Amino acid sequence: MGSMAPRVLILGGTSEARALAAALVARDVPVTSSLAGRVAEPRLPKGDIRVGGFGGPEGLARWLADHDVRAVVDATH
């Protein structure tokens, strides 16, 4: 796929989210994992990481558009 592949946003923090991020990164898929920020020292996944909320639905929609996200995976609890 290479660096031109659309980005995937993983709403994560779980072991499943970390495994998915690692698998996608291994396939050269750009990945951003979003962590809620409730854990002082979280186990960080592969790929890019962001911590905290998006500012509601409008903020999330703006962030997705600004970062060319084509898929969102809810891998939270």
Protein backbone atom coordinates (compact mmCIF):
# COMPACT_ATOMS: atom_id res chain seq x y z
CA MET A 1 0.00 0.00 0.00
CA GLY A 2 2.79 2.41 0.83
CA SER A 3 2.57 5.87 2.31
CA MET A 4 -0.31 6.89 0.03
CA ALA A 5 -2.72 4.53 1.80
CA PRO A 6 -5.63 6.18 3.60
CA ARG A 7 -5.19 6.56 7.34
CA VAL A 8 -7.01 4.38 9.87
CA LEU A 9 -8.06 5.78 13.25
CA ILE A 10 -8.23 3.24 16.05
CA LEU A 11 -10.11 4.25 19.17
CA GLY A 12 -8.09 2.10 21.47
CA GLY A 13 -6.35 1.40 24.69
CA THR A 14 -7.05 -2.34 24.65
CA SER A 15 -4.73 -5.20 23.79
CA GLU A 16 -6.86 -5.85 20.69
CA ALA A 17 -6.35 -2.25 19.58
CA ARG A 18 -2.57 -2.57 20.01
CA ALA A 19 -2.54 -5.83 18.03
CA LEU A 20 -4.57 -4.26 15.22
CA ALA A 21 -2.30 -1.21 15.09
CA ALA A 22 0.78 -3.45 14.90
CA ALA A 23 -0.74 -5.54 12.09
CA LEU A 24 -1.67 -2.46 10.06
CA VAL A 25 1.73 -0.80 10.57
CA ALA A 26 3.38 -4.05 9.40
CA ARG A 27 1.39 -3.64 6.17
CA ASP A 28 2.47 0.00 5.77
CA VAL A 29 -1.02 1.32 6.54
CA PRO A 30 -0.89 4.73 8.24
CA VAL A 31 -2.47 4.34 11.67
CA THR A 32 -3.35 6.74 14.45
CA SER A 33 -4.42 5.28 17.77
CA SER A 34 -6.49 7.53 19.98
CA LEU A 35 -6.19 7.00 23.71
CA ALA A 36 -8.56 8.56 26.24
CA GLY A 37 -5.72 9.65 28.51
CA ARG A 38 -7.10 8.06 31.65
CA VAL A 39 -4.03 5.90 32.32
CA ALA A 40 -0.83 7.57 33.56
CA GLU A 41 1.56 5.24 31.68
CA PRO A 42 -0.36 3.38 28.96
CA ARG A 43 1.18 0.63 26.83
CA LEU A 44 1.62 2.47 23.56
CA PRO A 45 0.66 0.93 20.23
CA LYS A 46 2.63 1.07 16.98
CA GLY A 47 1.98 4.02 14.68
CA ASP A 48 0.94 7.56 15.54
CA ILE A 49 -0.74 8.29 18.86
CA ARG A 50 -3.06 11.01 20.06
CA VAL A 51 -4.39 11.42 23.59
CA GLY A 52 -7.63 13.05 24.68
CA GLY A 53 -11.00 13.83 23.17
CA PHE A 54 -11.83 15.37 19.83
CA GLY A 55 -14.19 18.08 21.08
CA GLY A 56 -17.46 16.34 20.32
CA PRO A 57 -18.88 15.04 17.04
CA GLU A 58 -17.98 18.18 15.09
CA GLY A 59 -14.39 18.07 16.32
CA LEU A 60 -14.10 14.39 15.42
CA ALA A 61 -15.52 15.00 11.94
CA ARG A 62 -13.06 17.85 11.39
CA TRP A 63 -10.12 15.74 12.64
CA LEU A 64 -11.08 12.84 10.35
CA ALA A 65 -11.29 15.14 7.32
CA ASP A 66 -8.06 16.98 8.17
CA HIS A 67 -6.13 13.69 8.48
CA ASP A 68 -7.63 11.86 5.46
CA VAL A 69 -9.04 9.09 7.68
CA ARG A 70 -11.00 6.53 5.70
CA ALA A 71 -11.77 4.01 8.46
CA VAL A 72 -12.48 4.28 12.17
CA VAL A 73 -12.25 1.19 14.38
CA ASP A 74 -13.78 1.28 17.84
CA ALA A 75 -11.52 -1.09 19.77
CA THR A 76 -12.37 0.31 23.19
CA HIS A 77 -13.78 -1.80 26.01
